N, C-alpha and C. Protein backbone atom coordinates (compact mmCIF):
# COMPACT_ATOMS: atom_id res chain seq x y z
N UNK A 1 -10.31 12.84 38.47
CA UNK A 1 -10.66 14.00 39.17
C UNK A 1 -11.13 13.54 40.65
N UNK A 2 -10.65 13.99 41.65
CA UNK A 2 -11.02 13.68 42.97
C UNK A 2 -12.45 13.98 43.21
N UNK A 3 -12.82 15.08 42.76
CA UNK A 3 -14.22 15.57 42.94
C UNK A 3 -15.28 14.53 42.53
N UNK A 4 -15.10 14.06 41.23
CA UNK A 4 -16.10 13.12 40.86
C UNK A 4 -15.88 11.74 41.65
N UNK A 5 -14.66 11.38 41.97
CA UNK A 5 -14.63 10.08 42.74
C UNK A 5 -15.25 10.24 44.05
N UNK A 6 -15.11 11.23 44.76
CA UNK A 6 -15.75 11.43 46.14
C UNK A 6 -17.33 11.41 46.01
N UNK A 7 -17.77 12.12 45.02
CA UNK A 7 -19.19 12.18 44.84
C UNK A 7 -19.92 10.97 44.37
N UNK A 8 -19.54 10.31 43.24
CA UNK A 8 -20.27 9.17 42.84
C UNK A 8 -19.83 7.81 43.18
N UNK A 9 -18.63 7.73 43.74
CA UNK A 9 -18.26 6.48 44.30
C UNK A 9 -18.76 6.07 45.58
N UNK A 10 -19.20 7.19 46.39
CA UNK A 10 -19.60 6.98 47.71
C UNK A 10 -21.03 7.24 48.05
N UNK A 11 -21.50 8.29 47.44
CA UNK A 11 -22.89 8.79 47.68
C UNK A 11 -24.06 7.82 47.02
N UNK A 12 -24.78 7.24 47.87
CA UNK A 12 -25.70 6.20 47.37
C UNK A 12 -26.56 6.41 46.13
N UNK A 13 -27.25 7.59 46.06
CA UNK A 13 -28.17 7.83 45.00
C UNK A 13 -27.50 8.09 43.61
N UNK A 14 -26.28 8.19 43.44
CA UNK A 14 -25.51 8.61 42.35
C UNK A 14 -24.92 7.39 41.53
N UNK A 15 -25.55 7.10 40.28
CA UNK A 15 -24.95 6.01 39.47
C UNK A 15 -23.69 6.68 38.81
N UNK A 16 -23.80 7.81 38.09
CA UNK A 16 -22.81 8.35 37.40
C UNK A 16 -22.82 9.99 37.62
N UNK A 17 -21.68 10.54 37.47
CA UNK A 17 -21.55 11.93 37.72
C UNK A 17 -20.44 12.63 36.98
N UNK A 18 -20.69 13.71 36.31
CA UNK A 18 -19.64 14.44 35.54
C UNK A 18 -19.73 15.86 36.08
N UNK A 19 -18.52 16.49 36.30
CA UNK A 19 -18.35 17.81 36.91
C UNK A 19 -17.90 18.77 35.82
N UNK A 20 -18.22 19.90 35.67
CA UNK A 20 -17.80 20.95 34.86
C UNK A 20 -17.65 22.29 35.41
N UNK A 21 -16.60 23.01 35.15
CA UNK A 21 -16.55 24.35 35.61
C UNK A 21 -17.10 25.29 34.50
N UNK A 22 -18.02 26.15 34.85
CA UNK A 22 -18.54 27.22 33.96
C UNK A 22 -18.29 28.49 34.40
N UNK A 23 -18.24 29.52 33.35
CA UNK A 23 -17.81 30.77 33.86
C UNK A 23 -18.82 31.42 34.76
N UNK A 24 -18.29 32.05 35.79
CA UNK A 24 -18.93 32.74 36.78
C UNK A 24 -19.51 33.99 36.32
N UNK A 25 -20.81 34.20 36.31
CA UNK A 25 -21.26 35.54 35.66
C UNK A 25 -21.02 36.67 36.69
N UNK A 26 -20.77 36.31 38.07
CA UNK A 26 -20.50 37.41 38.99
C UNK A 26 -19.02 37.76 39.28
N UNK A 27 -18.22 36.90 38.80
CA UNK A 27 -16.68 37.20 38.95
C UNK A 27 -16.02 36.76 37.66
N UNK A 28 -15.44 37.70 37.03
CA UNK A 28 -14.75 37.37 35.83
C UNK A 28 -13.56 36.61 36.24
N UNK A 29 -13.04 35.65 35.26
CA UNK A 29 -12.00 34.87 35.45
C UNK A 29 -12.07 33.92 36.59
N UNK A 30 -13.21 33.48 36.86
CA UNK A 30 -13.56 32.42 37.88
C UNK A 30 -14.63 31.48 37.32
N UNK A 31 -14.81 30.37 37.95
CA UNK A 31 -15.70 29.56 37.51
C UNK A 31 -16.74 29.02 38.67
N UNK A 32 -17.88 28.50 38.27
CA UNK A 32 -18.73 27.92 39.20
C UNK A 32 -18.87 26.35 38.80
N UNK A 33 -19.16 25.41 39.73
CA UNK A 33 -19.16 24.05 39.45
C UNK A 33 -20.58 23.58 39.17
N UNK A 34 -20.67 22.72 38.13
CA UNK A 34 -22.02 22.24 37.79
C UNK A 34 -21.74 20.65 37.72
N UNK A 35 -22.65 19.98 38.52
CA UNK A 35 -22.80 18.53 38.42
C UNK A 35 -23.83 17.94 37.45
N UNK A 36 -23.50 17.06 36.55
CA UNK A 36 -24.57 16.20 35.80
C UNK A 36 -24.57 14.89 36.40
N UNK A 37 -25.75 14.51 36.88
CA UNK A 37 -25.90 13.42 37.58
C UNK A 37 -26.93 12.53 36.92
N UNK A 38 -26.61 11.14 37.07
CA UNK A 38 -27.58 10.13 36.66
C UNK A 38 -27.76 9.36 37.93
N UNK A 39 -28.99 9.12 38.35
CA UNK A 39 -29.48 8.58 39.55
C UNK A 39 -29.70 6.98 39.42
N UNK A 40 -29.41 6.37 40.53
CA UNK A 40 -29.52 4.90 40.48
C UNK A 40 -31.08 4.74 40.55
N UNK A 41 -31.40 3.59 40.11
CA UNK A 41 -33.08 3.22 40.23
C UNK A 41 -33.35 3.29 41.66
N UNK A 42 -34.68 3.74 41.64
CA UNK A 42 -35.27 3.87 42.98
C UNK A 42 -35.18 5.31 43.67
N UNK A 43 -34.35 6.16 42.99
CA UNK A 43 -34.16 7.50 43.43
C UNK A 43 -35.02 8.47 42.51
N UNK A 44 -35.57 9.44 43.07
CA UNK A 44 -36.41 10.37 42.34
C UNK A 44 -35.75 11.67 41.97
N UNK A 45 -35.89 12.28 40.98
CA UNK A 45 -35.42 13.57 40.57
C UNK A 45 -36.21 14.68 41.18
N UNK A 46 -35.85 15.07 42.35
CA UNK A 46 -36.71 16.14 43.05
C UNK A 46 -35.77 17.04 43.83
N UNK A 47 -36.29 17.93 44.38
CA UNK A 47 -35.52 19.02 45.19
C UNK A 47 -34.79 18.42 46.43
N UNK A 48 -35.52 17.30 46.97
CA UNK A 48 -35.03 16.71 48.20
C UNK A 48 -33.65 15.89 47.82
N UNK A 49 -33.73 15.34 46.63
CA UNK A 49 -32.59 14.44 46.13
C UNK A 49 -31.48 15.53 45.89
N UNK A 50 -31.71 16.55 45.12
CA UNK A 50 -30.71 17.55 45.03
C UNK A 50 -30.15 18.24 46.34
N UNK A 51 -31.02 18.42 47.26
CA UNK A 51 -30.47 18.89 48.54
C UNK A 51 -29.65 17.97 49.27
N UNK A 52 -29.91 16.65 49.18
CA UNK A 52 -29.30 15.45 49.71
C UNK A 52 -27.72 15.45 49.16
N UNK A 53 -27.79 15.56 47.75
CA UNK A 53 -26.48 15.54 47.04
C UNK A 53 -25.54 16.77 47.47
N UNK A 54 -26.24 17.97 47.59
CA UNK A 54 -25.58 19.06 47.97
C UNK A 54 -25.05 19.04 49.42
N UNK A 55 -25.83 18.50 50.28
CA UNK A 55 -25.39 18.33 51.63
C UNK A 55 -24.26 17.36 51.76
N UNK A 56 -24.33 16.28 50.97
CA UNK A 56 -23.26 15.28 50.88
C UNK A 56 -21.86 15.95 50.39
N UNK A 57 -21.97 16.85 49.36
CA UNK A 57 -20.88 17.57 48.81
C UNK A 57 -20.40 18.48 49.83
N UNK A 58 -21.16 19.29 50.65
CA UNK A 58 -20.81 20.20 51.66
C UNK A 58 -19.84 19.52 52.69
N UNK A 59 -20.44 18.19 53.03
CA UNK A 59 -19.74 17.44 54.13
C UNK A 59 -18.43 16.82 53.64
N UNK A 60 -18.16 16.68 52.42
CA UNK A 60 -16.94 16.11 51.89
C UNK A 60 -16.01 16.94 50.93
N UNK A 61 -16.36 17.99 50.48
CA UNK A 61 -15.54 18.77 49.58
C UNK A 61 -15.29 20.03 50.13
N UNK A 62 -14.34 20.76 49.56
CA UNK A 62 -13.92 22.15 49.85
C UNK A 62 -14.98 23.03 49.37
N UNK A 63 -15.22 24.15 49.92
CA UNK A 63 -16.17 25.09 49.52
C UNK A 63 -16.14 25.55 48.07
N UNK A 64 -14.90 25.79 47.62
CA UNK A 64 -14.87 26.15 46.28
C UNK A 64 -15.18 24.99 45.15
N UNK A 65 -15.26 23.81 45.60
CA UNK A 65 -15.57 22.55 44.77
C UNK A 65 -17.20 22.29 44.76
N UNK A 66 -17.95 23.08 45.67
CA UNK A 66 -19.37 22.74 45.83
C UNK A 66 -20.08 23.06 44.49
N UNK A 67 -21.05 22.35 44.09
CA UNK A 67 -21.85 22.62 42.90
C UNK A 67 -22.75 23.81 43.16
N UNK A 68 -22.70 24.68 42.25
CA UNK A 68 -23.86 25.74 42.29
C UNK A 68 -25.04 25.24 41.36
N UNK A 69 -24.80 24.39 40.47
CA UNK A 69 -25.84 23.77 39.64
C UNK A 69 -25.87 22.33 39.74
N UNK A 70 -26.91 21.61 39.87
CA UNK A 70 -27.08 20.15 39.93
C UNK A 70 -28.09 19.80 38.88
N UNK A 71 -27.60 19.27 37.80
CA UNK A 71 -28.63 18.74 36.72
C UNK A 71 -28.76 17.34 36.76
N UNK A 72 -29.86 16.85 37.06
CA UNK A 72 -30.24 15.37 37.14
C UNK A 72 -30.84 15.02 35.76
N UNK A 73 -30.13 14.05 35.22
CA UNK A 73 -30.71 13.55 33.89
C UNK A 73 -31.24 12.16 33.86
N UNK A 74 -31.97 11.68 32.94
CA UNK A 74 -32.50 10.37 32.67
C UNK A 74 -31.41 9.65 32.08
N UNK A 75 -30.43 10.12 31.37
CA UNK A 75 -29.45 9.37 30.79
C UNK A 75 -28.18 10.37 30.56
N UNK A 76 -27.03 9.71 30.58
CA UNK A 76 -25.89 10.55 30.27
C UNK A 76 -25.16 9.83 29.02
N UNK A 77 -24.74 10.82 28.17
CA UNK A 77 -24.02 10.09 26.97
C UNK A 77 -22.67 9.30 27.36
N UNK A 78 -22.50 8.25 26.90
CA UNK A 78 -21.33 7.35 27.15
C UNK A 78 -20.53 7.22 25.86
N UNK A 79 -19.29 7.00 26.09
CA UNK A 79 -18.42 6.80 24.93
C UNK A 79 -18.27 5.28 24.72
N UNK A 80 -17.47 4.80 23.91
CA UNK A 80 -17.35 3.34 23.48
C UNK A 80 -16.92 2.45 24.63
N UNK A 81 -16.07 3.04 25.67
CA UNK A 81 -15.69 2.22 26.80
C UNK A 81 -16.45 2.41 27.99
N UNK A 82 -17.59 3.06 27.76
CA UNK A 82 -18.71 3.14 28.94
C UNK A 82 -18.37 4.20 29.97
N UNK A 83 -17.45 5.20 29.60
CA UNK A 83 -17.22 6.36 30.45
C UNK A 83 -18.19 7.54 29.95
N UNK A 84 -18.42 8.47 30.77
CA UNK A 84 -19.26 9.63 30.26
C UNK A 84 -18.50 10.45 29.16
N UNK A 85 -19.30 10.63 28.04
CA UNK A 85 -18.71 11.33 26.98
C UNK A 85 -18.79 12.85 27.20
N UNK A 86 -17.79 13.42 27.70
CA UNK A 86 -17.79 14.84 28.20
C UNK A 86 -18.00 15.78 26.97
N UNK A 87 -17.59 15.60 25.73
CA UNK A 87 -17.81 16.31 24.66
C UNK A 87 -19.35 16.30 24.28
N UNK A 88 -19.94 15.15 24.14
CA UNK A 88 -21.34 15.11 23.84
C UNK A 88 -22.15 15.68 24.96
N UNK A 89 -21.75 15.57 26.17
CA UNK A 89 -22.58 16.13 27.42
C UNK A 89 -22.66 17.64 27.27
N UNK A 90 -21.62 18.31 26.71
CA UNK A 90 -21.55 19.77 26.75
C UNK A 90 -22.18 20.41 25.54
N UNK A 91 -22.66 19.44 24.62
CA UNK A 91 -23.27 20.16 23.28
C UNK A 91 -24.76 20.54 23.69
């Protein structure tokens, strides 16, 4: 997915990132974007970091791909080959 590649392959604070489309409560049959983020060591989980990630996304992504929710986690579930386990993440 181009969205994930742009966000976590280039943006310095992000170690891993998963993107998910969630039902939009304001518009039926549309979705909002949620980012699950694991930060690299040395970066703090605070509003400034979230704002920095959002600013980076605004500069590099189309408006409809921008996250409405950014969830920063201490760890993300990985599958046996080291990729983010999307099924476990959504439980």
